[in-house]
Every structure is written in structure tokens, then in C-alpha cells.
Amino acid sequence: KEDLVDSLTCTEEDKAMLRERTQKLLVLLKSVEERSIAIVTHKGYLRELEHGTFNMPETSEFTNCECRVYQLKLSNEHDSWVSVKQVA
């Protein structure tokens, strides 16, 4: 029973861990055939995705229930993209 509790214990995610998790999204997006994908998550993840992975530090803070639309052009490399642009 103690092993089960230990396996369920969550640790706090720091900024570096969050940024690493946002990088994994590019790998996931390359593995699907769909051309349009909706991602629903918390603003902290999206902020780090924009400021870090998308290299868009000038973007504004998210408001409650805000929707942003991006167009990505992915490269053939494992964890990179050709371009990213906010379209809505």
C-alpha cells in the first residue's frame, strides 16, 4: 500500500520541466495525420509553449477561456518546426 502512495505522489513541475514537455508536443503533432488539432490546456502550458517552444516572447498573457489559433509548418527534424504564426 505504501508503494502505491509513493507512485501517486506528484512533484512540482519547474519551468525547465514544463518547457521540455512543450517540446514533446512537436513530436506528437508530427505523428498524427490530422491537419487541424485543438489543444485544450491550462494557460501556464500555453504561455511556455509560446514563449519557449514557439519563440514568441512578445505574446500577451492569456485571459480566461481565451482561444488562440496558430498555423505551424513542421520540419522533418525530430523536434523543430519551419514556421509558426498566430492567425486568430
Protein backbone atom coordinates (compact mmCIF):
# COMPACT_ATOMS: atom_id res chain seq x y z
CA LYS A 1 0.00 0.00 0.00
CA GLU A 2 2.86 2.40 0.76
CA ASP A 3 4.36 1.75 -2.70
CA LEU A 4 1.04 2.77 -4.28
CA VAL A 5 1.03 6.07 -2.38
CA ASP A 6 4.63 6.77 -3.40
CA SER A 7 3.79 6.15 -7.07
CA LEU A 8 0.89 8.61 -6.89
CA THR A 9 2.91 11.41 -5.31
CA CYS A 10 3.20 14.39 -7.64
CA THR A 11 6.18 16.66 -7.70
CA GLU A 12 6.04 20.31 -8.61
CA GLU A 13 6.99 20.96 -12.22
CA ASP A 14 9.56 23.69 -12.71
CA LYS A 15 9.87 25.90 -15.80
CA ALA A 16 12.55 23.69 -17.39
CA MET A 17 10.38 20.58 -16.99
CA LEU A 18 7.38 22.42 -18.45
CA ARG A 19 9.43 23.65 -21.41
CA GLU A 20 10.64 20.10 -22.06
CA ARG A 21 7.03 18.92 -22.04
CA THR A 22 6.05 21.60 -24.57
CA GLN A 23 8.84 20.39 -26.88
CA LYS A 24 7.25 16.93 -26.84
CA LEU A 25 4.14 18.43 -28.43
CA LEU A 26 6.03 18.91 -31.71
CA VAL A 27 6.91 15.22 -31.79
CA LEU A 28 3.28 14.33 -31.09
CA LEU A 29 1.98 16.65 -33.81
CA LYS A 30 4.29 15.06 -36.36
CA SER A 31 2.88 11.62 -35.55
CA VAL A 32 -0.74 12.40 -36.47
CA GLU A 33 -2.31 12.72 -39.91
CA GLU A 34 -4.89 15.37 -38.99
CA ARG A 35 -4.28 18.84 -40.34
CA SER A 36 -6.34 20.67 -37.68
CA ILE A 37 -5.95 19.89 -33.99
CA ALA A 38 -7.47 21.55 -30.93
CA ILE A 39 -5.38 21.62 -27.76
CA VAL A 40 -7.16 22.40 -24.51
CA THR A 41 -4.87 23.00 -21.55
CA HIS A 42 -4.00 25.49 -18.84
CA LYS A 43 -2.57 28.92 -19.55
CA GLY A 44 0.81 28.11 -17.97
CA TYR A 45 1.44 25.39 -20.55
CA LEU A 46 0.30 27.61 -23.41
CA ARG A 47 2.39 30.55 -22.18
CA GLU A 48 5.50 28.37 -22.06
CA LEU A 49 4.65 26.91 -25.48
CA GLU A 50 4.51 30.42 -26.95
CA HIS A 51 7.43 31.97 -25.09
CA GLY A 52 9.71 28.92 -25.25
CA THR A 53 8.99 26.35 -27.95
CA PHE A 54 7.42 28.82 -30.43
CA ASN A 55 9.98 31.54 -29.54
CA MET A 56 7.27 34.22 -29.31
CA PRO A 57 8.16 36.06 -26.07
CA GLU A 58 6.21 39.17 -27.10
CA THR A 59 2.80 37.47 -26.85
CA SER A 60 0.35 38.78 -24.27
CA GLU A 61 -0.93 36.92 -21.21
CA PHE A 62 -3.92 34.66 -21.74
CA THR A 63 -7.34 35.75 -20.50
CA ASN A 64 -9.94 33.38 -19.09
CA CYS A 65 -11.31 30.95 -21.74
CA GLU A 66 -9.26 32.60 -24.49
CA CYS A 67 -8.84 30.84 -27.82
CA ARG A 68 -5.74 31.34 -29.99
CA VAL A 69 -5.18 29.79 -33.40
CA TYR A 70 -1.72 29.01 -34.77
CA GLN A 71 -0.51 27.74 -38.11
CA LEU A 72 2.56 25.52 -37.81
CA LYS A 73 4.79 24.28 -40.57
CA LEU A 74 6.73 21.34 -39.19
CA SER A 75 10.15 20.30 -40.44
CA ASN A 76 11.36 16.76 -40.94
CA GLU A 77 13.68 17.11 -37.95
CA HIS A 78 12.68 15.39 -34.72
CA ASP A 79 11.84 18.39 -32.54
CA SER A 80 11.65 21.51 -34.66
CA TRP A 81 9.37 23.46 -36.97
CA VAL A 82 9.81 25.61 -40.04
CA SER A 83 7.45 28.40 -39.00
CA VAL A 84 4.74 29.30 -36.54
CA LYS A 85 2.27 32.15 -36.91
CA GLN A 86 -0.71 33.24 -34.85
CA VAL A 87 -3.70 33.52 -37.20
CA ALA A 88 -6.51 34.28 -34.73
